[in-house]
Amino acid sequence: MVVADDVPPVLADAAQGHETIVNLTTNAVYAIGRSEVGQVTFTIDRVDMRGERARRAGVAEGRFARLTVRDTGNGMDAGTQRRVFDAFYTTKPVGQDTGLGLSMAYGIMRSHGGAITVESKPGEGATFHLLFPSLDVDTPPLPDATAVKAPEPRTFRVLFVDDEPQLVQLAQRVLTRLGHTVTSFTDPCEALRVFREAPSAFDVIMTDLSMPRMSGLDLAKAVREARADVPIVMVTGYADDTDELAAKAAGVSHVAVKGSEAHQFSRLLAAVV
């Protein structure tokens, strides 16, 4: 770890920062491979983001603390770099952990007003930069922690339905990590049977759109017949205007596109429940 002398102070969530660093380190170790000898290095310095540089990173102009994670792994081609922060995208083989690591890291950095960027070439490793906005000297002091108690995060009982087992496992892990209680199914008919047995046991339904035996729209309609007031989120790989209109007619509260909102599960659930 190399830390520069002029790193500005930042205001950030320590737990989320830790989660982001762990995700990047895990990906770096995977890129190197267990049978290879490699290196992961960490550097913290100050960087001034101005003009085109700030625009490319998607941040406001100003001073930033930059945490750089560099590995000597296999590297990535341009196509992989364009998708590396998409949720549900992975280069790992089927059966290996496919968490929302980089997607969650992207969401965490955006929520801090910062950014995460990547530089890489095949065979030359990868370099990730985490940009944290500096805490200006004239920023008002934080309120006394003993005087102001932060609100407890809301948690929900979620019924999650998707015919792809990997996505079900992924959603189960992510939602549980966020504090929610999750009951998940790959069979929409079975999910509907369980819901009908205890309609009041769930706060929100999250379902895929395209599934065998029963579509997400048909599931939503059947759920509404059993309990008219339950919020329903439909998650789909692609949603056009027709899908959204059909979803609204079926009683769906919100349509979420896979890869765009997966790292915002808590905010999404709080908005619809």
Protein backbone atom coordinates (compact mmCIF):
# COMPACT_ATOMS: atom_id res chain seq x y z
CA MET A 1 0.00 0.00 0.00
CA VAL A 2 1.40 3.38 -1.05
CA VAL A 3 -0.29 6.50 0.34
CA ALA A 4 0.61 9.98 -0.90
CA ASP A 5 1.12 12.87 1.53
CA ASP A 6 -1.51 15.20 0.05
CA VAL A 7 -4.58 12.91 0.02
CA PRO A 8 -7.65 15.06 0.85
CA PRO A 9 -10.18 13.97 3.49
CA VAL A 10 -13.41 12.39 2.25
CA LEU A 11 -16.84 11.70 3.70
CA ALA A 12 -17.69 8.08 2.95
CA ASP A 13 -19.46 5.05 4.38
CA ALA A 14 -16.70 2.84 5.83
CA ALA A 15 -18.67 -0.40 5.43
CA GLN A 16 -19.48 0.31 1.79
CA GLY A 17 -15.89 1.33 1.12
CA HIS A 18 -14.71 -1.94 2.64
CA GLU A 19 -17.20 -3.88 0.50
CA THR A 20 -15.94 -2.16 -2.64
CA ILE A 21 -12.28 -2.88 -1.89
CA VAL A 22 -13.04 -6.53 -1.08
CA ASN A 23 -14.92 -6.91 -4.38
CA LEU A 24 -12.05 -5.42 -6.38
CA THR A 25 -9.47 -7.56 -4.57
CA THR A 26 -11.51 -10.72 -5.11
CA ASN A 27 -11.77 -10.00 -8.82
CA ALA A 28 -8.05 -9.25 -9.03
CA VAL A 29 -7.14 -12.56 -7.38
CA TYR A 30 -9.47 -14.41 -9.76
CA ALA A 31 -7.90 -12.63 -12.76
CA ILE A 32 -4.43 -13.72 -11.65
CA GLY A 33 -5.48 -17.31 -11.06
CA ARG A 34 -4.75 -19.61 -8.15
CA SER A 35 -1.97 -21.45 -9.95
CA GLU A 36 -0.17 -18.29 -11.07
CA VAL A 37 2.18 -15.94 -9.28
CA GLY A 38 0.88 -12.40 -9.43
CA GLN A 39 0.59 -9.15 -7.57
CA VAL A 40 -2.20 -6.82 -6.43
CA THR A 41 -1.09 -3.31 -5.46
CA PHE A 42 -2.99 -0.48 -3.79
CA THR A 43 -2.22 3.22 -4.11
CA ILE A 44 -3.99 6.24 -2.60
CA ASP A 45 -3.30 9.71 -3.95
CA ARG A 46 -4.92 13.00 -4.86
CA VAL A 47 -6.22 13.80 -8.31
CA ASP A 48 -7.82 16.95 -9.71
CA MET A 49 -10.68 16.18 -12.09
CA ARG A 50 -11.25 18.94 -14.62
CA GLY A 51 -12.80 19.40 -18.05
CA GLU A 52 -12.85 16.37 -20.32
CA ARG A 53 -11.25 14.19 -17.67
CA ALA A 54 -14.12 14.82 -15.26
CA ARG A 55 -16.70 14.41 -18.01
CA ARG A 56 -15.35 11.00 -19.03
CA ALA A 57 -15.44 9.80 -15.44
CA GLY A 58 -18.92 11.24 -14.93
CA VAL A 59 -18.01 13.37 -11.90
CA ALA A 60 -18.17 17.04 -11.00
CA GLU A 61 -14.97 19.04 -11.31
CA GLY A 62 -12.88 19.22 -8.16
CA ARG A 63 -10.40 17.41 -5.93
CA PHE A 64 -10.70 13.69 -5.36
CA ALA A 65 -9.01 11.04 -3.27
CA ARG A 66 -8.14 8.24 -5.68
CA LEU A 67 -7.74 4.63 -4.58
CA THR A 68 -6.09 2.56 -7.29
CA VAL A 69 -6.21 -1.25 -7.34
CA ARG A 70 -3.84 -2.76 -9.90
CA ASP A 71 -3.40 -6.45 -10.69
CA THR A 72 -1.13 -8.48 -12.95
CA GLY A 73 -3.88 -10.79 -14.17
CA ASN A 74 -5.16 -11.67 -17.63
CA GLY A 75 -6.54 -8.23 -18.38
CA MET A 76 -9.67 -7.44 -20.39
CA ASP A 77 -10.50 -6.56 -23.97
CA ALA A 78 -12.50 -3.45 -24.86
CA GLY A 79 -15.80 -5.34 -25.02
CA THR A 80 -15.40 -6.74 -21.53
CA GLN A 81 -14.45 -3.32 -20.16
CA ARG A 82 -17.65 -1.81 -21.57
CA ARG A 83 -19.77 -4.37 -19.69
CA VAL A 84 -17.69 -5.02 -16.59
CA PHE A 85 -19.92 -2.87 -14.33
CA ASP A 86 -23.19 -4.37 -15.62
CA ALA A 87 -25.07 -6.48 -13.11
CA PHE A 88 -25.34 -10.20 -13.92
CA TYR A 89 -22.37 -9.94 -16.31
CA THR A 90 -19.48 -12.24 -15.51
CA THR A 91 -16.53 -13.88 -17.25
CA LYS A 92 -16.47 -16.70 -14.70
CA PRO A 93 -17.53 -20.23 -15.70
CA VAL A 94 -21.00 -21.50 -14.82
CA GLY A 95 -21.06 -22.79 -11.25
CA GLN A 96 -18.51 -20.34 -9.88
CA ASP A 97 -19.42 -17.31 -7.79
CA THR A 98 -20.95 -14.61 -10.00
CA GLY A 99 -21.79 -11.95 -7.41
CA LEU A 100 -22.76 -8.39 -8.13
CA GLY A 101 -19.31 -7.24 -7.05
CA LEU A 102 -18.40 -4.68 -9.69
CA SER A 103 -21.99 -3.59 -10.24
CA MET A 104 -22.37 -2.96 -6.52
CA ALA A 105 -19.03 -1.14 -6.46
CA TYR A 106 -20.27 1.09 -9.28
CA GLY A 107 -23.47 1.86 -7.40
CA ILE A 108 -21.63 2.57 -4.16
CA MET A 109 -19.23 5.01 -5.81
CA ARG A 110 -22.06 6.81 -7.61
CA SER A 111 -23.98 7.13 -4.35
CA HIS A 112 -20.93 8.95 -2.92
CA GLY A 113 -20.79 11.37 -5.84
CA GLY A 114 -17.68 9.61 -7.10
CA ALA A 115 -16.86 7.08 -9.78
CA ILE A 116 -15.07 3.85 -10.59
CA THR A 117 -13.08 3.51 -13.82
CA VAL A 118 -11.04 0.75 -15.39
CA GLU A 119 -7.97 0.57 -17.62
CA SER A 120 -6.88 -2.74 -19.08
CA LYS A 121 -5.49 -4.64 -22.04
CA PRO A 122 -5.48 -8.41 -22.66
CA GLY A 123 -2.46 -9.97 -21.01
CA GLU A 124 -1.47 -6.75 -19.22
CA GLY A 125 -3.59 -6.85 -16.08
CA ALA A 126 -6.24 -4.36 -15.00
CA THR A 127 -6.25 -1.10 -13.08
CA PHE A 128 -9.35 0.15 -11.26
CA HIS A 129 -9.59 3.70 -9.93
CA LEU A 130 -12.03 4.64 -7.15
CA LEU A 131 -12.66 8.38 -7.06
CA PHE A 132 -13.96 9.84 -3.77
CA PRO A 133 -14.89 13.56 -3.74
CA SER A 134 -12.80 15.50 -1.26
CA LEU A 135 -14.40 16.94 1.86
CA ASP A 136 -13.85 20.69 1.47
CA VAL A 137 -12.29 22.54 4.35
CA ASP A 138 -15.33 24.83 4.68
CA THR A 139 -17.85 21.98 4.76
CA PRO A 140 -20.15 22.39 7.79
CA PRO A 141 -19.28 20.00 10.64
CA LEU A 142 -21.30 16.83 10.95
CA PRO A 143 -24.03 16.82 13.61
CA ASP A 144 -23.22 15.22 16.95
CA ALA A 145 -23.83 11.48 16.60
CA THR A 146 -25.32 11.42 20.09
CA ALA A 147 -27.85 14.10 19.21
CA VAL A 148 -29.01 12.80 15.84
CA LYS A 149 -29.85 9.13 15.41
CA ALA A 150 -29.75 7.82 11.85
CA PRO A 151 -32.98 6.16 10.75
CA GLU A 152 -32.94 2.37 10.72
CA PRO A 153 -32.87 0.94 7.17
CA ARG A 154 -36.16 -0.56 6.09
CA THR A 155 -36.16 -4.27 5.40
CA PHE A 156 -38.78 -6.34 3.65
CA ARG A 157 -40.04 -9.88 3.18
CA VAL A 158 -39.38 -10.52 -0.50
CA LEU A 159 -40.78 -13.22 -2.77
CA PHE A 160 -38.29 -13.49 -5.64
CA VAL A 161 -39.06 -15.50 -8.80
CA ASP A 162 -36.76 -16.19 -11.78
CA ASP A 163 -36.36 -19.33 -13.86
CA GLU A 164 -32.55 -19.02 -13.93
CA PRO A 165 -31.10 -20.71 -10.81
CA GLN A 166 -27.91 -18.60 -10.87
CA LEU A 167 -29.87 -15.36 -10.80
CA VAL A 168 -32.08 -16.66 -8.01
CA GLN A 169 -29.01 -17.53 -5.94
CA LEU A 170 -27.45 -14.17 -6.73
CA ALA A 171 -30.57 -12.19 -5.77
CA GLN A 172 -30.96 -14.29 -2.61
CA ARG A 173 -27.40 -13.49 -1.55
CA VAL A 174 -27.55 -9.78 -2.38
CA LEU A 175 -30.98 -9.11 -0.86
CA THR A 176 -30.12 -11.08 2.28
CA ARG A 177 -26.88 -9.12 2.63
CA LEU A 178 -28.98 -5.95 2.50
CA GLY A 179 -31.04 -7.21 5.44
CA HIS A 180 -34.14 -8.45 3.63
CA THR A 181 -35.85 -11.81 4.22
CA VAL A 182 -36.03 -13.64 0.90
CA THR A 183 -38.12 -16.58 -0.29
CA SER A 184 -37.05 -17.50 -3.79
CA PHE A 185 -38.32 -19.81 -6.53
CA THR A 186 -37.34 -20.87 -10.04
CA ASP A 187 -40.88 -22.17 -10.70
CA PRO A 188 -43.51 -19.38 -10.89
CA CYS A 189 -46.34 -21.86 -10.37
CA GLU A 190 -44.80 -23.04 -7.11
CA ALA A 191 -44.20 -19.42 -6.06
CA LEU A 192 -47.86 -18.63 -6.70
CA ARG A 193 -48.99 -21.65 -4.68
CA VAL A 194 -46.91 -20.55 -1.69
CA PHE A 195 -48.15 -16.97 -1.99
CA ARG A 196 -51.78 -18.06 -2.11
CA GLU A 197 -51.28 -20.07 1.07
CA ALA A 198 -50.05 -17.00 2.97
CA PRO A 199 -50.63 -13.72 1.04
CA SER A 200 -49.81 -11.57 4.07
CA ALA A 201 -46.41 -13.23 4.58
CA PHE A 202 -44.72 -11.04 1.94
CA ASP A 203 -44.16 -7.29 1.61
CA VAL A 204 -43.17 -7.26 -2.06
CA ILE A 205 -42.97 -9.58 -5.08
CA MET A 206 -40.02 -9.48 -7.50
CA THR A 207 -40.48 -11.56 -10.65
CA ASP A 208 -38.82 -12.10 -13.99
CA LEU A 209 -40.88 -11.33 -17.10
CA SER A 210 -40.06 -14.26 -19.38
CA MET A 211 -40.42 -17.65 -17.69
CA PRO A 212 -41.68 -21.08 -18.81
CA ARG A 213 -45.12 -22.31 -17.67
CA MET A 214 -46.14 -18.84 -16.48
CA SER A 215 -44.93 -15.39 -17.50
CA GLY A 216 -44.22 -12.64 -15.02
CA LEU A 217 -47.31 -10.81 -16.24
CA ASP A 218 -49.55 -13.84 -15.62
CA LEU A 219 -47.97 -14.30 -12.20
CA ALA A 220 -48.61 -10.66 -11.37
CA LYS A 221 -52.27 -10.93 -12.35
CA ALA A 222 -52.74 -14.07 -10.25
CA VAL A 223 -50.97 -12.48 -7.28
CA ARG A 224 -53.23 -9.42 -7.51
CA GLU A 225 -56.29 -11.68 -7.43
CA ALA A 226 -55.07 -13.18 -4.16
CA ARG A 227 -54.01 -9.85 -2.65
CA ALA A 228 -54.72 -6.58 -4.42
CA ASP A 229 -52.39 -4.31 -2.46
CA VAL A 230 -49.05 -6.16 -2.66
CA PRO A 231 -46.33 -4.24 -4.57
CA ILE A 232 -44.90 -6.12 -7.55
CA VAL A 233 -41.55 -5.41 -9.24
CA MET A 234 -40.99 -7.05 -12.63
CA VAL A 235 -37.34 -7.58 -13.59
CA THR A 236 -36.57 -8.12 -17.26
CA GLY A 237 -33.61 -8.18 -19.60
CA TYR A 238 -35.27 -5.60 -21.83
CA ALA A 239 -38.43 -3.57 -21.44
CA ASP A 240 -39.99 -1.49 -24.20
CA ASP A 241 -43.07 0.72 -23.93
CA THR A 242 -45.39 -2.21 -24.72
CA ASP A 243 -43.96 -4.27 -21.86
CA GLU A 244 -44.38 -1.41 -19.41
CA LEU A 245 -47.99 -0.80 -20.47
CA ALA A 246 -48.79 -4.49 -20.20
CA ALA A 247 -47.07 -4.63 -16.83
CA LYS A 248 -49.08 -1.69 -15.54
CA ALA A 249 -52.30 -3.32 -16.72
CA ALA A 250 -51.30 -6.50 -14.86
CA GLY A 251 -50.80 -4.54 -11.64
CA VAL A 252 -47.01 -4.31 -11.68
CA SER A 253 -45.72 -1.42 -9.56
CA HIS A 254 -42.33 -1.01 -11.25
CA VAL A 255 -40.38 -2.49 -14.16
CA ALA A 256 -36.63 -2.89 -13.51
CA VAL A 257 -34.19 -3.74 -16.30
CA LYS A 258 -31.53 -6.31 -15.39
CA GLY A 259 -28.15 -4.65 -15.21
CA SER A 260 -29.46 -1.14 -14.53
CA GLU A 261 -30.97 -1.39 -11.04
CA ALA A 262 -29.53 -4.50 -9.43
CA HIS A 263 -27.14 -2.47 -7.27
CA GLN A 264 -30.06 -0.29 -6.11
CA PHE A 265 -32.25 -3.07 -4.65
CA SER A 266 -32.84 -1.34 -1.31
CA ARG A 267 -33.74 2.01 -2.88
CA LEU A 268 -36.03 0.28 -5.39
CA LEU A 269 -37.83 -1.75 -2.73
CA ALA A 270 -38.26 1.27 -0.46
CA ALA A 271 -39.80 3.19 -3.36
CA VAL A 272 -42.49 0.64 -4.15
CA VAL A 273 -43.37 -0.74 -0.70
